[in-house]
C-alpha atoms as a PDB file:
ATOM      1  CA  GLN A   1     -50.710 -11.937  -1.413  1.00  0.00           C
ATOM      2  CA  LEU A   2     -51.527 -15.491  -2.545  1.00  0.00           C
ATOM      3  CA  GLN A   3     -52.200 -16.471  -6.094  1.00  0.00           C
ATOM      4  CA  ALA A   4     -53.529 -19.926  -6.851  1.00  0.00           C
ATOM      5  CA  SER A   5     -53.350 -21.566 -10.276  1.00  0.00           C
ATOM      6  CA  GLY A   6     -53.323 -25.028 -11.893  1.00  0.00           C
ATOM      7  CA  GLY A   7     -57.283 -25.606 -12.023  1.00  0.00           C
ATOM      8  CA  GLY A   8     -58.982 -26.836 -15.033  1.00  0.00           C
ATOM      9  CA  LEU A   9     -61.261 -29.405 -16.534  1.00  0.00           C
ATOM     10  CA  VAL A  10     -60.257 -33.055 -15.920  1.00  0.00           C
ATOM     11  CA  GLN A  11     -62.129 -36.416 -16.211  1.00  0.00           C
ATOM     12  CA  ALA A  12     -63.032 -38.487 -13.309  1.00  0.00           C
ATOM     13  CA  GLY A  13     -60.128 -40.592 -12.311  1.00  0.00           C
ATOM     14  CA  GLY A  14     -57.600 -37.947 -13.504  1.00  0.00           C
ATOM     15  CA  SER A  15     -55.143 -35.753 -11.648  1.00  0.00           C
ATOM     16  CA  LEU A  16     -54.245 -32.057 -11.247  1.00  0.00           C
ATOM     17  CA  ARG A  17     -51.705 -30.045  -9.316  1.00  0.00           C
ATOM     18  CA  LEU A  18     -52.606 -26.822  -7.785  1.00  0.00           C
ATOM     19  CA  SER A  19     -49.920 -24.231  -6.892  1.00  0.00           C
ATOM     20  CA  CYS A  20     -50.145 -21.153  -4.750  1.00  0.00           C
ATOM     21  CA  ALA A  21     -47.369 -18.641  -5.109  1.00  0.00           C
ATOM     22  CA  ALA A  22     -46.938 -16.090  -2.404  1.00  0.00           C
ATOM     23  CA  SER A  23     -45.679 -12.568  -3.016  1.00  0.00           C
ATOM     24  CA  GLY A  24     -45.270  -9.477  -1.120  1.00  0.00           C
ATOM     25  CA  ARG A  25     -44.355 -11.157   2.133  1.00  0.00           C
ATOM     26  CA  SER A  26     -42.965 -14.605   3.141  1.00  0.00           C
ATOM     27  CA  PHE A  27     -45.262 -17.233   4.505  1.00  0.00           C
ATOM     28  CA  ARG A  28     -42.281 -19.609   5.424  1.00  0.00           C
ATOM     29  CA  THR A  29     -43.327 -19.499   9.033  1.00  0.00           C
ATOM     30  CA  ASN A  30     -47.022 -19.899   8.515  1.00  0.00           C
ATOM     31  CA  THR A  31     -49.187 -22.916   8.452  1.00  0.00           C
ATOM     32  CA  MET A  32     -50.787 -23.003   5.075  1.00  0.00           C
ATOM     33  CA  GLY A  33     -53.727 -24.701   3.664  1.00  0.00           C
ATOM     34  CA  TRP A  34     -56.487 -25.330   1.054  1.00  0.00           C
ATOM     35  CA  PHE A  35     -60.051 -24.865   1.116  1.00  0.00           C
ATOM     36  CA  ARG A  36     -62.811 -25.317  -1.533  1.00  0.00           C
ATOM     37  CA  ARG A  37     -66.189 -24.114  -2.251  1.00  0.00           C
ATOM     38  CA  ALA A  38     -68.492 -26.341  -4.422  1.00  0.00           C
ATOM     39  CA  PRO A  39     -71.296 -24.843  -6.205  1.00  0.00           C
ATOM     40  CA  GLY A  40     -74.132 -24.021  -3.693  1.00  0.00           C
ATOM     41  CA  GLU A  41     -72.160 -25.292  -0.913  1.00  0.00           C
ATOM     42  CA  GLU A  42     -70.105 -23.762   2.065  1.00  0.00           C
ATOM     43  CA  ARG A  43     -66.500 -23.392   1.906  1.00  0.00           C
ATOM     44  CA  GLU A  44     -64.846 -26.456   3.441  1.00  0.00           C
ATOM     45  CA  PHE A  45     -61.463 -27.273   4.663  1.00  0.00           C
ATOM     46  CA  VAL A  46     -59.376 -29.732   2.408  1.00  0.00           C
ATOM     47  CA  ALA A  47     -55.875 -29.880   3.838  1.00  0.00           C
ATOM     48  CA  SER A  48     -53.209 -27.962   5.862  1.00  0.00           C
ATOM     49  CA  ILE A  49     -49.396 -28.137   6.401  1.00  0.00           C
ATOM     50  CA  ILE A  50     -47.347 -26.691   9.130  1.00  0.00           C
ATOM     51  CA  TRP A  51     -44.477 -24.356   8.389  1.00  0.00           C
ATOM     52  CA  ASN A  52     -41.691 -26.974   7.839  1.00  0.00           C
ATOM     53  CA  GLY A  53     -43.831 -29.579   6.084  1.00  0.00           C
ATOM     54  CA  SER A  54     -43.688 -32.059   8.936  1.00  0.00           C
ATOM     55  CA  SER A  55     -47.210 -32.347   9.800  1.00  0.00           C
ATOM     56  CA  THR A  56     -50.239 -32.403   7.517  1.00  0.00           C
ATOM     57  CA  VAL A  57     -53.923 -32.598   7.958  1.00  0.00           C
ATOM     58  CA  TYR A  58     -56.790 -33.718   5.465  1.00  0.00           C
ATOM     59  CA  ALA A  59     -60.385 -33.742   5.266  1.00  0.00           C
ATOM     60  CA  ASP A  60     -61.729 -37.411   5.329  1.00  0.00           C
ATOM     61  CA  SER A  61     -63.091 -36.792   1.855  1.00  0.00           C
ATOM     62  CA  VAL A  62     -59.705 -36.224   0.132  1.00  0.00           C
ATOM     63  CA  LYS A  63     -57.428 -38.489   2.399  1.00  0.00           C
ATOM     64  CA  GLY A  64     -55.447 -41.080   0.453  1.00  0.00           C
ATOM     65  CA  ARG A  65     -56.019 -39.045  -2.805  1.00  0.00           C
ATOM     66  CA  PHE A  66     -54.573 -35.435  -2.243  1.00  0.00           C
ATOM     67  CA  THR A  67     -51.388 -34.442  -1.148  1.00  0.00           C
ATOM     68  CA  ILE A  68     -50.400 -31.060   0.289  1.00  0.00           C
ATOM     69  CA  SER A  69     -46.739 -29.918   0.242  1.00  0.00           C
ATOM     70  CA  ARG A  70     -44.716 -26.622   0.141  1.00  0.00           C
ATOM     71  CA  ASP A  71     -41.412 -25.384  -1.103  1.00  0.00           C
ATOM     72  CA  ASN A  72     -40.453 -22.480   1.180  1.00  0.00           C
ATOM     73  CA  ALA A  73     -37.530 -21.512  -0.709  1.00  0.00           C
ATOM     74  CA  LYS A  74     -39.976 -20.836  -3.550  1.00  0.00           C
ATOM     75  CA  ASN A  75     -42.748 -19.412  -1.089  1.00  0.00           C
ATOM     76  CA  THR A  76     -45.063 -21.779  -2.932  1.00  0.00           C
ATOM     77  CA  LEU A  77     -47.731 -24.208  -1.581  1.00  0.00           C
ATOM     78  CA  TYR A  78     -48.948 -27.290  -3.690  1.00  0.00           C
ATOM     79  CA  LEU A  79     -51.982 -29.653  -3.825  1.00  0.00           C
ATOM     80  CA  GLN A  80     -51.544 -32.815  -5.771  1.00  0.00           C
ATOM     81  CA  MET A  81     -54.842 -34.041  -6.558  1.00  0.00           C
ATOM     82  CA  ASN A  82     -55.255 -37.742  -7.777  1.00  0.00           C
ATOM     83  CA  THR A  83     -58.174 -40.069  -8.476  1.00  0.00           C
ATOM     84  CA  LEU A  84     -60.383 -36.941  -8.818  1.00  0.00           C
ATOM     85  CA  GLU A  85     -64.216 -37.375  -8.477  1.00  0.00           C
ATOM     86  CA  PRO A  86     -66.931 -35.290  -9.771  1.00  0.00           C
ATOM     87  CA  GLU A  87     -67.582 -34.326  -6.053  1.00  0.00           C
ATOM     88  CA  ASP A  88     -64.251 -32.635  -6.001  1.00  0.00           C
ATOM     89  CA  THR A  89     -65.451 -29.896  -8.387  1.00  0.00           C
ATOM     90  CA  ALA A  90     -65.134 -26.494  -6.730  1.00  0.00           C
ATOM     91  CA  VAL A  91     -63.139 -23.367  -6.592  1.00  0.00           C
ATOM     92  CA  TYR A  92     -59.989 -24.106  -4.582  1.00  0.00           C
ATOM     93  CA  TYR A  93     -58.597 -21.461  -2.309  1.00  0.00           C
ATOM     94  CA  CYS A  94     -55.095 -21.225  -0.715  1.00  0.00           C
ATOM     95  CA  THR A  95     -54.728 -19.731   2.539  1.00  0.00           C
ATOM     96  CA  ALA A  96     -52.282 -18.978   5.431  1.00  0.00           C
ATOM     97  CA  LYS A  97     -52.696 -18.687   9.131  1.00  0.00           C
ATOM     98  CA  LEU A  98     -51.854 -15.867  11.276  1.00  0.00           C
ATOM     99  CA  GLY A  99     -52.121 -17.291  14.806  1.00  0.00           C
ATOM    100  CA  ALA A 100     -54.965 -19.649  15.086  1.00  0.00           C
ATOM    101  CA  ASN A 101     -56.959 -17.948  12.265  1.00  0.00           C
ATOM    102  CA  TRP A 102     -56.958 -18.403   8.404  1.00  0.00           C
ATOM    103  CA  ILE A 103     -56.214 -14.726   7.585  1.00  0.00           C
ATOM    104  CA  TYR A 104     -54.485 -14.552   4.128  1.00  0.00           C
ATOM    105  CA  TRP A 105     -56.686 -15.922   1.258  1.00  0.00           C
ATOM    106  CA  GLY A 106     -55.991 -16.126  -2.554  1.00  0.00           C
ATOM    107  CA  GLN A 107     -58.573 -15.687  -5.127  1.00  0.00           C
ATOM    108  CA  GLY A 108     -59.193 -19.179  -6.043  1.00  0.00           C
ATOM    109  CA  THR A 109     -58.940 -21.544  -8.952  1.00  0.00           C
ATOM    110  CA  LEU A 110     -61.698 -23.558 -10.598  1.00  0.00           C
ATOM    111  CA  VAL A 111     -61.561 -27.411 -10.639  1.00  0.00           C
ATOM    112  CA  THR A 112     -64.056 -29.254 -12.652  1.00  0.00           C
ATOM    113  CA  VAL A 113     -64.254 -32.886 -12.912  1.00  0.00           C
ATOM    114  CA  SER A 114     -66.459 -34.538 -15.588  1.00  0.00           C
ATOM    115  CA  SER A 115     -67.964 -38.040 -15.011  1.00  0.00           C
END
């Protein structure tokens, strides 16, 4: 089970840090990631990180502003979001892969960026 937290209301240019705590099983060997769904839009990929943190992938829209990281000792995934823009407003979901597919999903945390 994945539990995302850390969302909230922030002004444009501000920062937020999302956390995703895993429980019930360990995700230490899984690739994990963040997706988001803006109002009226499809869910989109934001970032991913492999099991040991040595490789990350970002959507072009967040590259240079967001940083994904993980602490396997705490079974927790993070997303540091800087220089936030109104276009970043969305519900953010953490997820974990099983094989090639995103199988495990958290319930989401709402991020609202005001202009």
